[in-house]
Amino acid sequence: MFWIKNTSGKKDAMLTFAFLAFSVVTLNILLATFGRISWNGFEISFQSMDAAAMTAYLGATFTAYVSRRWTDSKYGDATDKSVEYEGKKESGSKEE
């Protein structure tokens, strides 16, 4: 899977999810601005999201991202054992 890299150069799932959430809401706002698009008899209409739904969608995602960054900065960058194990499997060495 493709993950966006954070400022430390590490793949970051929460940053990827936050970027996707922001993109979905922004795209919805832009499309809802037009309301309806017609071309050669094909018509499509866009409705805006409810403000509470957008807030819940963005709020949960950004809160998770910020709290993870805060935890990393407070407790250091602890090694994730699952990532370490997968790296050893790929390189061919066995975990002892």
Protein backbone atom coordinates (compact mmCIF):
# COMPACT_ATOMS: atom_id res chain seq x y z
CA MET A 1 0.00 0.00 0.00
CA PHE A 2 1.15 3.54 -0.67
CA TRP A 3 1.67 5.74 2.40
CA ILE A 4 2.67 9.40 2.43
CA LYS A 5 5.98 10.03 4.20
CA ASN A 6 6.05 12.41 7.16
CA THR A 7 8.72 15.00 7.94
CA SER A 8 10.94 12.28 9.43
CA GLY A 9 10.89 10.42 6.13
CA LYS A 10 8.86 7.51 7.54
CA LYS A 11 5.72 6.11 5.96
CA ASP A 12 2.75 7.49 7.87
CA ALA A 13 -0.71 5.91 7.69
CA MET A 14 -2.44 8.63 9.73
CA LEU A 15 -0.98 11.39 7.58
CA THR A 16 -2.23 9.53 4.51
CA PHE A 17 -5.73 9.18 6.01
CA ALA A 18 -5.77 12.85 7.07
CA PHE A 19 -4.75 13.91 3.55
CA LEU A 20 -7.45 11.73 2.00
CA ALA A 21 -10.11 13.06 4.40
CA PHE A 22 -9.14 16.65 3.62
CA SER A 23 -9.16 15.89 -0.13
CA VAL A 24 -12.62 14.29 0.00
CA VAL A 25 -14.15 17.22 1.88
CA THR A 26 -12.43 19.81 -0.33
CA LEU A 27 -13.50 18.02 -3.51
CA ASN A 28 -17.07 17.83 -2.22
CA ILE A 29 -17.09 21.56 -1.49
CA LEU A 30 -15.73 22.38 -4.95
CA LEU A 31 -18.18 20.08 -6.75
CA ALA A 32 -21.10 21.34 -4.69
CA THR A 33 -20.20 24.87 -5.82
CA PHE A 34 -21.21 23.91 -9.36
CA GLY A 35 -24.31 22.05 -8.20
CA ARG A 36 -25.17 20.50 -11.55
CA ILE A 37 -23.10 19.69 -14.64
CA SER A 38 -24.71 18.85 -18.00
CA TRP A 39 -22.93 17.62 -21.14
CA ASN A 40 -24.46 15.99 -24.25
CA GLY A 41 -27.61 14.97 -22.43
CA PHE A 42 -25.66 13.57 -19.48
CA GLU A 43 -26.43 15.36 -16.25
CA ILE A 44 -24.88 14.91 -12.83
CA SER A 45 -25.64 16.88 -9.69
CA PHE A 46 -23.64 17.36 -6.51
CA GLN A 47 -24.92 18.09 -3.05
CA SER A 48 -22.84 19.51 -0.26
CA MET A 49 -22.09 17.52 2.86
CA ASP A 50 -23.67 18.56 6.11
CA ALA A 51 -21.36 20.76 8.18
CA ALA A 52 -21.62 18.39 11.16
CA ALA A 53 -20.67 15.42 8.97
CA MET A 54 -17.64 17.27 7.59
CA THR A 55 -16.57 18.27 11.09
CA ALA A 56 -16.90 14.71 12.39
CA TYR A 57 -15.08 13.32 9.35
CA LEU A 58 -12.16 15.74 9.56
CA GLY A 59 -12.08 16.07 13.35
CA ALA A 60 -11.62 12.38 14.07
CA THR A 61 -8.94 11.96 11.44
CA PHE A 62 -6.92 15.04 12.37
CA THR A 63 -7.26 14.33 16.10
CA ALA A 64 -5.84 10.84 15.60
CA TYR A 65 -2.95 12.23 13.54
CA VAL A 66 -2.09 15.01 16.00
CA SER A 67 -2.35 12.73 19.04
CA ARG A 68 -0.04 10.17 17.41
CA ARG A 69 2.50 12.92 16.61
CA TRP A 70 2.25 14.19 20.19
CA THR A 71 2.80 10.67 21.55
CA ASP A 72 5.84 10.20 19.30
CA SER A 73 7.38 13.49 20.45
CA LYS A 74 6.66 12.86 24.15
CA TYR A 75 7.75 9.23 24.42
CA GLY A 76 10.34 9.11 21.68
CA ASP A 77 10.22 7.19 18.47
CA ALA A 78 9.75 3.67 19.82
CA THR A 79 10.48 0.85 17.41
CA ASP A 80 7.41 -0.93 16.13
CA LYS A 81 8.14 -4.66 16.55
CA SER A 82 5.84 -5.68 13.69
CA VAL A 83 7.66 -3.40 11.25
CA GLU A 84 11.02 -4.64 12.56
CA TYR A 85 9.92 -8.26 12.12
CA GLU A 86 8.65 -7.65 8.57
CA GLY A 87 11.99 -6.05 7.70
CA LYS A 88 13.83 -9.11 8.96
CA LYS A 89 11.54 -11.45 6.98
CA GLU A 90 12.18 -9.49 3.78
CA SER A 91 15.95 -9.47 4.29
CA GLY A 92 16.00 -13.23 4.93
CA SER A 93 17.26 -13.17 8.50
CA LYS A 94 15.39 -15.01 11.23
CA GLU A 95 14.23 -13.49 14.50
CA GLU A 96 15.84 -15.10 17.52
